[in-house]
Amino acid sequence: PKERIFYRYIDVYMNAAIIGFIYGEKEEIDKDSEYKD
């Protein structure tokens, strides 16, 4: 908990929508990276 930048996943989700729109960052669903699972 002391390392958290955001308290909850929903906080990340909501802020990411705004940040992504402001900076014009859009991405497809990741299916190929090392983190795909």
PDB file of all heavy atoms in Angstrom:
ATOM      1  N   PRO A   1       0.799  -1.236   0.000  1.00  0.00           N
ATOM      2  CA  PRO A   1       0.000   0.000   0.000  1.00  0.00           C
ATOM      3  C   PRO A   1       0.831   1.286   0.000  1.00  0.00           C
ATOM      4  O   PRO A   1       0.416   2.291  -0.557  1.00  0.00           O
ATOM      5  CB  PRO A   1      -0.827  -0.107   1.282  1.00  0.00           C
ATOM      6  CG  PRO A   1      -0.820  -1.549   1.633  1.00  0.00           C
ATOM      7  CD  PRO A   1       0.449  -2.125   1.081  1.00  0.00           C
ATOM      8  N   LYS A   2       2.008   1.253   0.610  1.00  0.00           N
ATOM      9  CA  LYS A   2       2.835   2.461   0.657  1.00  0.00           C
ATOM     10  C   LYS A   2       3.442   2.798  -0.703  1.00  0.00           C
ATOM     11  O   LYS A   2       3.863   3.917  -0.924  1.00  0.00           O
ATOM     12  CB  LYS A   2       3.945   2.296   1.687  1.00  0.00           C
ATOM     13  CG  LYS A   2       3.428   2.268   3.107  1.00  0.00           C
ATOM     14  CD  LYS A   2       4.539   2.158   4.103  1.00  0.00           C
ATOM     15  CE  LYS A   2       3.957   2.116   5.508  1.00  0.00           C
ATOM     16  NZ  LYS A   2       4.978   1.992   6.529  1.00  0.00           N
ATOM     17  N   GLU A   3       3.487   1.836  -1.601  1.00  0.00           N
ATOM     18  CA  GLU A   3       4.069   2.043  -2.923  1.00  0.00           C
ATOM     19  C   GLU A   3       3.032   2.465  -3.963  1.00  0.00           C
ATOM     20  O   GLU A   3       3.375   2.705  -5.112  1.00  0.00           O
ATOM     21  CB  GLU A   3       4.762   0.759  -3.398  1.00  0.00           C
ATOM     22  CG  GLU A   3       5.965   0.380  -2.566  1.00  0.00           C
ATOM     23  CD  GLU A   3       7.095   1.377  -2.701  1.00  0.00           C
ATOM     24  OE1 GLU A   3       7.390   1.816  -3.831  1.00  0.00           O
ATOM     25  OE2 GLU A   3       7.682   1.732  -1.666  1.00  0.00           O
ATOM     26  N   ARG A   4       1.793   2.553  -3.572  1.00  0.00           N
ATOM     27  CA  ARG A   4       0.727   2.859  -4.513  1.00  0.00           C
ATOM     28  C   ARG A   4       0.803   4.292  -5.012  1.00  0.00           C
ATOM     29  O   ARG A   4       0.972   5.223  -4.248  1.00  0.00           O
ATOM     30  CB  ARG A   4      -0.638   2.657  -3.863  1.00  0.00           C
ATOM     31  CG  ARG A   4      -0.998   1.242  -3.625  1.00  0.00           C
ATOM     32  CD  ARG A   4      -2.373   1.145  -3.031  1.00  0.00           C
ATOM     33  NE  ARG A   4      -2.676  -0.245  -2.732  1.00  0.00           N
ATOM     34  CZ  ARG A   4      -3.658  -0.629  -1.973  1.00  0.00           C
ATOM     35  NH1 ARG A   4      -4.465   0.263  -1.430  1.00  0.00           N
ATOM     36  NH2 ARG A   4      -3.870  -1.891  -1.754  1.00  0.00           N
ATOM     37  N   ILE A   5       0.614   4.423  -6.301  1.00  0.00           N
ATOM     38  CA  ILE A   5       0.435   5.742  -6.898  1.00  0.00           C
ATOM     39  C   ILE A   5      -1.067   6.038  -6.920  1.00  0.00           C
ATOM     40  O   ILE A   5      -1.503   7.139  -6.645  1.00  0.00           O
ATOM     41  CB  ILE A   5       1.043   5.786  -8.309  1.00  0.00           C
ATOM     42  CG1 ILE A   5       2.561   5.606  -8.194  1.00  0.00           C
ATOM     43  CG2 ILE A   5       0.697   7.093  -9.015  1.00  0.00           C
ATOM     44  CD1 ILE A   5       3.254   5.390  -9.499  1.00  0.00           C
ATOM     45  N   PHE A   6      -1.843   5.010  -7.232  1.00  0.00           N
ATOM     46  CA  PHE A   6      -3.299   5.093  -7.200  1.00  0.00           C
ATOM     47  C   PHE A   6      -3.792   4.095  -6.163  1.00  0.00           C
ATOM     48  O   PHE A   6      -3.259   3.000  -6.052  1.00  0.00           O
ATOM     49  CB  PHE A   6      -3.900   4.760  -8.563  1.00  0.00           C
ATOM     50  CG  PHE A   6      -3.534   5.752  -9.632  1.00  0.00           C
ATOM     51  CD1 PHE A   6      -2.472   5.510 -10.483  1.00  0.00           C
ATOM     52  CD2 PHE A   6      -4.246   6.925  -9.778  1.00  0.00           C
ATOM     53  CE1 PHE A   6      -2.128   6.416 -11.467  1.00  0.00           C
ATOM     54  CE2 PHE A   6      -3.912   7.840 -10.753  1.00  0.00           C
ATOM     55  CZ  PHE A   6      -2.842   7.585 -11.601  1.00  0.00           C
ATOM     56  N   TYR A   7      -4.829   4.467  -5.442  1.00  0.00           N
ATOM     57  CA  TYR A   7      -5.326   3.618  -4.365  1.00  0.00           C
ATOM     58  C   TYR A   7      -6.043   2.375  -4.890  1.00  0.00           C
ATOM     59  O   TYR A   7      -5.908   1.295  -4.343  1.00  0.00           O
ATOM     60  CB  TYR A   7      -6.245   4.421  -3.443  1.00  0.00           C
ATOM     61  CG  TYR A   7      -6.688   3.646  -2.240  1.00  0.00           C
ATOM     62  CD1 TYR A   7      -5.789   3.314  -1.233  1.00  0.00           C
ATOM     63  CD2 TYR A   7      -7.999   3.215  -2.126  1.00  0.00           C
ATOM     64  CE1 TYR A   7      -6.188   2.577  -0.131  1.00  0.00           C
ATOM     65  CE2 TYR A   7      -8.416   2.482  -1.026  1.00  0.00           C
ATOM     66  CZ  TYR A   7      -7.497   2.169  -0.032  1.00  0.00           C
ATOM     67  OH  TYR A   7      -7.893   1.427   1.044  1.00  0.00           O
ATOM     68  N   ARG A   8      -6.829   2.540  -5.992  1.00  0.00           N
ATOM     69  CA  ARG A   8      -7.626   1.436  -6.515  1.00  0.00           C
ATOM     70  C   ARG A   8      -7.437   1.323  -8.024  1.00  0.00           C
ATOM     71  O   ARG A   8      -7.080   2.285  -8.687  1.00  0.00           O
ATOM     72  CB  ARG A   8      -9.127   1.666  -6.243  1.00  0.00           C
ATOM     73  CG  ARG A   8      -9.471   1.980  -4.827  1.00  0.00           C
ATOM     74  CD  ARG A   8     -10.910   2.441  -4.681  1.00  0.00           C
ATOM     75  NE  ARG A   8     -11.143   3.676  -5.455  1.00  0.00           N
ATOM     76  CZ  ARG A   8     -12.339   4.193  -5.682  1.00  0.00           C
ATOM     77  NH1 ARG A   8     -13.414   3.598  -5.235  1.00  0.00           N
ATOM     78  NH2 ARG A   8     -12.472   5.300  -6.369  1.00  0.00           N
ATOM     79  N   TYR A   9      -7.740   0.142  -8.548  1.00  0.00           N
ATOM     80  CA  TYR A   9      -7.686  -0.063  -9.998  1.00  0.00           C
ATOM     81  C   TYR A   9      -8.643   0.871 -10.724  1.00  0.00           C
ATOM     82  O   TYR A   9      -8.331   1.369 -11.799  1.00  0.00           O
ATOM     83  CB  TYR A   9      -8.036  -1.506 -10.364  1.00  0.00           C
ATOM     84  CG  TYR A   9      -6.997  -2.544  -9.998  1.00  0.00           C
ATOM     85  CD1 TYR A   9      -7.299  -3.888 -10.090  1.00  0.00           C
ATOM     86  CD2 TYR A   9      -5.722  -2.202  -9.579  1.00  0.00           C
ATOM     87  CE1 TYR A   9      -6.362  -4.862  -9.767  1.00  0.00           C
ATOM     88  CE2 TYR A   9      -4.789  -3.163  -9.247  1.00  0.00           C
ATOM     89  CZ  TYR A   9      -5.115  -4.498  -9.357  1.00  0.00           C
ATOM     90  OH  TYR A   9      -4.197  -5.460  -9.042  1.00  0.00           O
ATOM     91  N   ILE A  10      -9.800   1.120 -10.147  1.00  0.00           N
ATOM     92  CA  ILE A  10     -10.777   1.994 -10.796  1.00  0.00           C
ATOM     93  C   ILE A  10     -10.225   3.415 -10.925  1.00  0.00           C
ATOM     94  O   ILE A  10     -10.515   4.111 -11.897  1.00  0.00           O
ATOM     95  CB  ILE A  10     -12.147   1.980 -10.064  1.00  0.00           C
ATOM     96  CG1 ILE A  10     -13.240   2.670 -10.896  1.00  0.00           C
ATOM     97  CG2 ILE A  10     -12.065   2.637  -8.704  1.00  0.00           C
ATOM     98  CD1 ILE A  10     -13.751   1.857 -12.027  1.00  0.00           C
ATOM     99  N   ASP A  11      -9.381   3.820  -9.985  1.00  0.00           N
ATOM    100  CA  ASP A  11      -8.750   5.142 -10.073  1.00  0.00           C
ATOM    101  C   ASP A  11      -7.779   5.193 -11.253  1.00  0.00           C
ATOM    102  O   ASP A  11      -7.710   6.197 -11.964  1.00  0.00           O
ATOM    103  CB  ASP A  11      -8.020   5.475  -8.769  1.00  0.00           C
ATOM    104  CG  ASP A  11      -8.953   5.559  -7.575  1.00  0.00           C
ATOM    105  OD1 ASP A  11     -10.119   5.965  -7.758  1.00  0.00           O
ATOM    106  OD2 ASP A  11      -8.514   5.207  -6.464  1.00  0.00           O
ATOM    107  N   VAL A  12      -7.044   4.113 -11.449  1.00  0.00           N
ATOM    108  CA  VAL A  12      -6.151   4.027 -12.605  1.00  0.00           C
ATOM    109  C   VAL A  12      -6.977   4.091 -13.882  1.00  0.00           C
ATOM    110  O   VAL A  12      -6.653   4.851 -14.804  1.00  0.00           O
ATOM    111  CB  VAL A  12      -5.317   2.718 -12.580  1.00  0.00           C
ATOM    112  CG1 VAL A  12      -4.457   2.598 -13.836  1.00  0.00           C
ATOM    113  CG2 VAL A  12      -4.452   2.632 -11.333  1.00  0.00           C
ATOM    114  N   TYR A  13      -8.048   3.324 -13.934  1.00  0.00           N
ATOM    115  CA  TYR A  13      -8.901   3.238 -15.124  1.00  0.00           C
ATOM    116  C   TYR A  13      -9.470   4.610 -15.501  1.00  0.00           C
ATOM    117  O   TYR A  13      -9.382   5.031 -16.662  1.00  0.00           O
ATOM    118  CB  TYR A  13     -10.019   2.237 -14.852  1.00  0.00           C
ATOM    119  CG  TYR A  13     -10.911   1.934 -16.025  1.00  0.00           C
ATOM    120  CD1 TYR A  13     -10.554   0.975 -16.967  1.00  0.00           C
ATOM    121  CD2 TYR A  13     -12.134   2.579 -16.181  1.00  0.00           C
ATOM    122  CE1 TYR A  13     -11.380   0.670 -18.037  1.00  0.00           C
ATOM    123  CE2 TYR A  13     -12.964   2.278 -17.245  1.00  0.00           C
ATOM    124  CZ  TYR A  13     -12.589   1.322 -18.168  1.00  0.00           C
ATOM    125  OH  TYR A  13     -13.405   1.036 -19.216  1.00  0.00           O
ATOM    126  N   MET A  14     -10.026   5.309 -14.537  1.00  0.00           N
ATOM    127  CA  MET A  14     -10.645   6.608 -14.826  1.00  0.00           C
ATOM    128  C   MET A  14      -9.602   7.649 -15.231  1.00  0.00           C
ATOM    129  O   MET A  14      -9.803   8.390 -16.193  1.00  0.00           O
ATOM    130  CB  MET A  14     -11.454   7.094 -13.620  1.00  0.00           C
ATOM    131  CG  MET A  14     -12.704   6.282 -13.370  1.00  0.00           C
ATOM    132  SD  MET A  14     -13.818   6.945 -12.100  1.00  0.00           S
ATOM    133  CE  MET A  14     -12.789   6.943 -10.656  1.00  0.00           C
ATOM    134  N   ASN A  15      -8.507   7.710 -14.494  1.00  0.00           N
ATOM    135  CA  ASN A  15      -7.461   8.669 -14.837  1.00  0.00           C
ATOM    136  C   ASN A  15      -6.807   8.345 -16.171  1.00  0.00           C
ATOM    137  O   ASN A  15      -6.473   9.244 -16.942  1.00  0.00           O
ATOM    138  CB  ASN A  15      -6.413   8.735 -13.727  1.00  0.00           C
ATOM    139  CG  ASN A  15      -6.886   9.536 -12.549  1.00  0.00           C
ATOM    140  OD1 ASN A  15      -6.968  10.751 -12.607  1.00  0.00           O
ATOM    141  ND2 ASN A  15      -7.239   8.854 -11.475  1.00  0.00           N
ATOM    142  N   ALA A  16      -6.633   7.069 -16.454  1.00  0.00           N
ATOM    143  CA  ALA A  16      -6.018   6.662 -17.713  1.00  0.00           C
ATOM    144  C   ALA A  16      -6.873   7.073 -18.908  1.00  0.00           C
ATOM    145  O   ALA A  16      -6.335   7.453 -19.952  1.00  0.00           O
ATOM    146  CB  ALA A  16      -5.781   5.158 -17.719  1.00  0.00           C
ATOM    147  N   ALA A  17      -8.191   7.000 -18.778  1.00  0.00           N
ATOM    148  CA  ALA A  17      -9.071   7.429 -19.868  1.00  0.00           C
ATOM    149  C   ALA A  17      -8.833   8.906 -20.186  1.00  0.00           C
ATOM    150  O   ALA A  17      -8.702   9.288 -21.356  1.00  0.00           O
ATOM    151  CB  ALA A  17     -10.529   7.194 -19.495  1.00  0.00           C
ATOM    152  N   ILE A  18      -8.747   9.715 -19.160  1.00  0.00           N
ATOM    153  CA  ILE A  18      -8.533  11.157 -19.341  1.00  0.00           C
ATOM    154  C   ILE A  18      -7.151  11.429 -19.920  1.00  0.00           C
ATOM    155  O   ILE A  18      -7.005  12.177 -20.890  1.00  0.00           O
ATOM    156  CB  ILE A  18      -8.727  11.896 -17.999  1.00  0.00           C
ATOM    157  CG1 ILE A  18     -10.172  11.743 -17.522  1.00  0.00           C
ATOM    158  CG2 ILE A  18      -8.331  13.369 -18.127  1.00  0.00           C
ATOM    159  CD1 ILE A  18     -10.391  12.119 -16.065  1.00  0.00           C
ATOM    160  N   ILE A  19      -6.134  10.808 -19.334  1.00  0.00           N
ATOM    161  CA  ILE A  19      -4.751  11.007 -19.800  1.00  0.00           C
ATOM    162  C   ILE A  19      -4.601  10.520 -21.236  1.00  0.00           C
ATOM    163  O   ILE A  19      -3.983  11.189 -22.070  1.00  0.00           O
ATOM    164  CB  ILE A  19      -3.751  10.274 -18.866  1.00  0.00           C
ATOM    165  CG1 ILE A  19      -3.790  10.857 -17.457  1.00  0.00           C
ATOM    166  CG2 ILE A  19      -2.345  10.274 -19.444  1.00  0.00           C
ATOM    167  CD1 ILE A  19      -3.284  12.267 -17.334  1.00  0.00           C
ATOM    168  N   GLY A  20      -5.139   9.349 -21.524  1.00  0.00           N
ATOM    169  CA  GLY A  20      -5.059   8.819 -22.879  1.00  0.00           C
ATOM    170  C   GLY A  20      -5.693   9.752 -23.891  1.00  0.00           C
ATOM    171  O   GLY A  20      -5.145   9.993 -24.967  1.00  0.00           O
ATOM    172  N   PHE A  21      -6.843  10.313 -23.551  1.00  0.00           N
ATOM    173  CA  PHE A  21      -7.507  11.243 -24.466  1.00  0.00           C
ATOM    174  C   PHE A  21      -6.713  12.541 -24.611  1.00  0.00           C
ATOM    175  O   PHE A  21      -6.498  13.014 -25.726  1.00  0.00           O
ATOM    176  CB  PHE A  21      -8.934  11.543 -24.012  1.00  0.00           C
ATOM    177  CG  PHE A  21      -9.631  12.492 -24.932  1.00  0.00           C
ATOM    178  CD1 PHE A  21     -10.098  12.057 -26.161  1.00  0.00           C
ATOM    179  CD2 PHE A  21      -9.782  13.824 -24.596  1.00  0.00           C
ATOM    180  CE1 PHE A  21     -10.713  12.932 -27.038  1.00  0.00           C
ATOM    181  CE2 PHE A  21     -10.397  14.713 -25.455  1.00  0.00           C
ATOM    182  CZ  PHE A  21     -10.862  14.260 -26.691  1.00  0.00           C
ATOM    183  N   ILE A  22      -6.285  13.112 -23.509  1.00  0.00           N
ATOM    184  CA  ILE A  22      -5.559  14.385 -23.561  1.00  0.00           C
ATOM    185  C   ILE A  22      -4.299  14.278 -24.412  1.00  0.00           C
ATOM    186  O   ILE A  22      -4.000  15.152 -25.215  1.00  0.00           O
ATOM    187  CB  ILE A  22      -5.222  14.880 -22.136  1.00  0.00           C
ATOM    188  CG1 ILE A  22      -6.493  15.353 -21.439  1.00  0.00           C
ATOM    189  CG2 ILE A  22      -4.169  15.987 -22.161  1.00  0.00           C
ATOM    190  CD1 ILE A  22      -6.311  15.685 -19.974  1.00  0.00           C
ATOM    191  N   TYR A  23      -3.563  13.179 -24.247  1.00  0.00           N
ATOM    192  CA  TYR A  23      -2.304  13.014 -24.969  1.00  0.00           C
ATOM    193  C   TYR A  23      -2.462  12.252 -26.287  1.00  0.00           C
ATOM    194  O   TYR A  23      -1.475  11.981 -26.966  1.00  0.00           O
ATOM    195  CB  TYR A  23      -1.262  12.337 -24.067  1.00  0.00           C
ATOM    196  CG  TYR A  23      -0.790  13.269 -22.981  1.00  0.00           C
ATOM    197  CD1 TYR A  23      -1.280  13.156 -21.684  1.00  0.00           C
ATOM    198  CD2 TYR A  23       0.114  14.288 -23.248  1.00  0.00           C
ATOM    199  CE1 TYR A  23      -0.869  14.027 -20.687  1.00  0.00           C
ATOM    200  CE2 TYR A  23       0.533  15.161 -22.262  1.00  0.00           C
ATOM    201  CZ  TYR A  23       0.028  15.020 -20.982  1.00  0.00           C
ATOM    202  OH  TYR A  23       0.442  15.890 -20.001  1.00  0.00           O
ATOM    203  N   GLY A  24      -3.699  11.910 -26.634  1.00  0.00           N
ATOM    204  CA  GLY A  24      -3.940  11.228 -27.898  1.00  0.00           C
ATOM    205  C   GLY A  24      -3.343   9.834 -27.952  1.00  0.00           C
ATOM    206  O   GLY A  24      -2.977   9.359 -29.027  1.00  0.00           O
ATOM    207  N   GLU A  25      -3.271   9.185 -26.812  1.00  0.00           N
ATOM    208  CA  GLU A  25      -2.687   7.848 -26.731  1.00  0.00           C
ATOM    209  C   GLU A  25      -3.791   6.801 -26.776  1.00  0.00           C
ATOM    210  O   GLU A  25      -4.620   6.730 -25.881  1.00  0.00           O
ATOM    211  CB  GLU A  25      -1.888   7.686 -25.436  1.00  0.00           C
ATOM    212  CG  GLU A  25      -0.726   8.649 -25.292  1.00  0.00           C
ATOM    213  CD  GLU A  25       0.418   8.323 -26.233  1.00  0.00           C
ATOM    214  OE1 GLU A  25       0.600   7.151 -26.597  1.00  0.00           O
ATOM    215  OE2 GLU A  25       1.145   9.266 -26.603  1.00  0.00           O
ATOM    216  N   LYS A  26      -3.803   6.005 -27.838  1.00  0.00           N
ATOM    217  CA  LYS A  26      -4.750   4.905 -27.955  1.00  0.00           C
ATOM    218  C   LYS A  26      -3.951   3.638 -28.238  1.00  0.00           C
ATOM    219  O   LYS A  26      -2.944   3.678 -28.938  1.00  0.00           O
ATOM    220  CB  LYS A  26      -5.736   5.124 -29.099  1.00  0.00           C
ATOM    221  CG  LYS A  26      -6.657   6.300 -28.893  1.00  0.00           C
ATOM    222  CD  LYS A  26      -7.821   6.343 -29.857  1.00  0.00           C
ATOM    223  CE  LYS A  26      -7.432   6.330 -31.297  1.00  0.00           C
ATOM    224  NZ  LYS A  26      -8.566   6.596 -32.199  1.00  0.00           N
ATOM    225  N   GLU A  27      -4.404   2.525 -27.665  1.00  0.00           N
ATOM    226  CA  GLU A  27      -3.726   1.254 -27.900  1.00  0.00           C
ATOM    227  C   GLU A  27      -4.739   0.139 -28.060  1.00  0.00           C
ATOM    228  O   GLU A  27      -5.828   0.175 -27.492  1.00  0.00           O
ATOM    229  CB  GLU A  27      -2.781   0.912 -26.738  1.00  0.00           C
ATOM    230  CG  GLU A  27      -1.565   1.794 -26.681  1.00  0.00           C
ATOM    231  CD  GLU A  27      -0.533   1.317 -25.671  1.00  0.00           C
ATOM    232  OE1 GLU A  27      -0.676   0.213 -25.111  1.00  0.00           O
ATOM    233  OE2 GLU A  27       0.421   2.075 -25.444  1.00  0.00           O
ATOM    234  N   GLU A  28      -4.338  -0.859 -28.825  1.00  0.00           N
ATOM    235  CA  GLU A  28      -5.133  -2.067 -29.008  1.00  0.00           C
ATOM    236  C   GLU A  28      -4.940  -2.986 -27.804  1.00  0.00           C
ATOM    237  O   GLU A  28      -4.009  -2.809 -27.013  1.00  0.00           O
ATOM    238  CB  GLU A  28      -4.694  -2.803 -30.280  1.00  0.00           C
ATOM    239  CG  GLU A  28      -4.895  -1.998 -31.555  1.00  0.00           C
ATOM    240  CD  GLU A  28      -6.357  -1.730 -31.856  1.00  0.00           C
ATOM    241  OE1 GLU A  28      -7.186  -2.631 -31.620  1.00  0.00           O
ATOM    242  OE2 GLU A  28      -6.669  -0.618 -32.320  1.00  0.00           O
ATOM    243  N   ILE A  29      -5.780  -3.999 -27.706  1.00  0.00           N
ATOM    244  CA  ILE A  29      -5.634  -5.010 -26.658  1.00  0.00           C
ATOM    245  C   ILE A  29      -4.315  -5.738 -26.884  1.00  0.00           C
ATOM    246  O   ILE A  29      -3.995  -6.135 -28.006  1.00  0.00           O
ATOM    247  CB  ILE A  29      -6.818  -5.996 -26.687  1.00  0.00           C
ATOM    248  CG1 ILE A  29      -8.117  -5.269 -26.358  1.00  0.00           C
ATOM    249  CG2 ILE A  29      -6.586  -7.162 -25.736  1.00  0.00           C
ATOM    250  CD1 ILE A  29      -9.366  -6.095 -26.562  1.00  0.00           C
ATOM    251  N   ASP A  30      -3.546  -5.908 -25.818  1.00  0.00           N
ATOM    252  CA  ASP A  30      -2.245  -6.561 -25.898  1.00  0.00           C
ATOM    253  C   ASP A  30      -2.429  -8.077 -25.922  1.00  0.00           C
ATOM    254  O   ASP A  30      -2.961  -8.656 -24.981  1.00  0.00           O
ATOM    255  CB  ASP A  30      -1.390  -6.146 -24.696  1.00  0.00           C
ATOM    256  CG  ASP A  30      -0.074  -6.893 -24.647  1.00  0.00           C
ATOM    257  OD1 ASP A  30       0.522  -7.096 -25.714  1.00  0.00           O
ATOM    258  OD2 ASP A  30       0.344  -7.262 -23.538  1.00  0.00           O
ATOM    259  N   LYS A  31      -1.947  -8.699 -27.003  1.00  0.00           N
ATOM    260  CA  LYS A  31      -2.037 -10.153 -27.129  1.00  0.00           C
ATOM    261  C   LYS A  31      -0.680 -10.805 -27.338  1.00  0.00           C
ATOM    262  O   LYS A  31      -0.591 -12.026 -27.368  1.00  0.00           O
ATOM    263  CB  LYS A  31      -2.952 -10.513 -28.298  1.00  0.00           C
ATOM    264  CG  LYS A  31      -4.381 -10.061 -28.113  1.00  0.00           C
ATOM    265  CD  LYS A  31      -5.224 -10.374 -29.317  1.00  0.00           C
ATOM    266  CE  LYS A  31      -6.635  -9.838 -29.111  1.00  0.00           C
ATOM    267  NZ  LYS A  31      -7.448  -9.974 -30.303  1.00  0.00           N
ATOM    268  N   ASP A  32       0.365  -9.982 -27.487  1.00  0.00           N
ATOM    269  CA  ASP A  32       1.653 -10.537 -27.895  1.00  0.00           C
ATOM    270  C   ASP A  32       2.812 -10.264 -26.947  1.00  0.00           C
ATOM    271  O   ASP A  32       3.880 -10.835 -27.138  1.00  0.00           O
ATOM    272  CB  ASP A  32       2.028  -9.988 -29.274  1.00  0.00           C
ATOM    273  CG  ASP A  32       1.009 -10.356 -30.334  1.00  0.00           C
ATOM    274  OD1 ASP A  32       0.485 -11.481 -30.270  1.00  0.00           O
ATOM    275  OD2 ASP A  32       0.736  -9.519 -31.208  1.00  0.00           O
ATOM    276  N   SER A  33       2.656  -9.416 -25.966  1.00  0.00           N
ATOM    277  CA  SER A  33       3.799  -9.059 -25.125  1.00  0.00           C
ATOM    278  C   SER A  33       4.117 -10.178 -24.138  1.00  0.00           C
ATOM    279  O   SER A  33       3.390 -11.170 -24.023  1.00  0.00           O
ATOM    280  CB  SER A  33       3.526  -7.763 -24.357  1.00  0.00           C
ATOM    281  OG  SER A  33       2.656  -8.002 -23.282  1.00  0.00           O
ATOM    282  N   GLU A  34       5.185  -9.972 -23.413  1.00  0.00           N
ATOM    283  CA  GLU A  34       5.569 -10.955 -22.396  1.00  0.00           C
ATOM    284  C   GLU A  34       4.539 -11.042 -21.269  1.00  0.00           C
ATOM    285  O   GLU A  34       4.534 -11.999 -20.509  1.00  0.00           O
ATOM    286  CB  GLU A  34       6.939 -10.600 -21.824  1.00  0.00           C
ATOM    287  CG  GLU A  34       6.963  -9.240 -21.122  1.00  0.00           C
ATOM    288  CD  GLU A  34       8.342  -8.832 -20.680  1.00  0.00           C
ATOM    289  OE1 GLU A  34       8.906  -9.492 -19.780  1.00  0.00           O
ATOM    290  OE2 GLU A  34       8.854  -7.853 -21.249  1.00  0.00           O
ATOM    291  N   TYR A  35       3.666 -10.054 -21.154  1.00  0.00           N
ATOM    292  CA  TYR A  35       2.647 -10.016 -20.104  1.00  0.00           C
ATOM    293  C   TYR A  35       1.274 -10.462 -20.610  1.00  0.00           C
ATOM    294  O   TYR A  35       0.272 -10.218 -19.955  1.00  0.00           O
ATOM    295  CB  TYR A  35       2.524  -8.603 -19.528  1.00  0.00           C
ATOM    296  CG  TYR A  35       3.821  -8.022 -19.052  1.00  0.00           C
ATOM    297  CD1 TYR A  35       4.388  -6.933 -19.684  1.00  0.00           C
ATOM    298  CD2 TYR A  35       4.488  -8.578 -17.965  1.00  0.00           C
ATOM    299  CE1 TYR A  35       5.587  -6.397 -19.235  1.00  0.00           C
ATOM    300  CE2 TYR A  35       5.687  -8.048 -17.515  1.00  0.00           C
ATOM    301  CZ  TYR A  35       6.231  -6.956 -18.162  1.00  0.00           C
ATOM    302  OH  TYR A  35       7.411  -6.436 -17.719  1.00  0.00           O
ATOM    303  N   LYS A  36       1.214 -11.114 -21.759  1.00  0.00           N
ATOM    304  CA  LYS A  36      -0.069 -11.434 -22.396  1.00  0.00           C
ATOM    305  C   LYS A  36      -1.011 -12.267 -21.526  1.00  0.00           C
ATOM    306  O   LYS A  36      -2.222 -12.247 -21.738  1.00  0.00           O
ATOM    307  CB  LYS A  36       0.149 -12.125 -23.733  1.00  0.00           C
ATOM    308  CG  LYS A  36       0.809 -13.469 -23.629  1.00  0.00           C
ATOM    309  CD  LYS A  36       1.070 -14.048 -24.988  1.00  0.00           C
ATOM    310  CE  LYS A  36       1.851 -15.350 -24.815  1.00  0.00           C
ATOM    311  NZ  LYS A  36       2.521 -15.730 -26.014  1.00  0.00           N
ATOM    312  N   ASP A  37      -0.503 -12.960 -20.531  1.00  0.00           N
ATOM    313  CA  ASP A  37      -1.349 -13.787 -19.666  1.00  0.00           C
ATOM    314  C   ASP A  37      -1.806 -13.074 -18.389  1.00  0.00           C
ATOM    315  O   ASP A  37      -2.548 -13.658 -17.603  1.00  0.00           O
ATOM    316  CB  ASP A  37      -0.620 -15.084 -19.293  1.00  0.00           C
ATOM    317  CG  ASP A  37      -0.335 -15.939 -20.517  1.00  0.00           C
ATOM    318  OD1 ASP A  37      -1.158 -15.918 -21.455  1.00  0.00           O
ATOM    319  OD2 ASP A  37       0.709 -16.615 -20.545  1.00  0.00           O
TER     320      ASP A  37
END
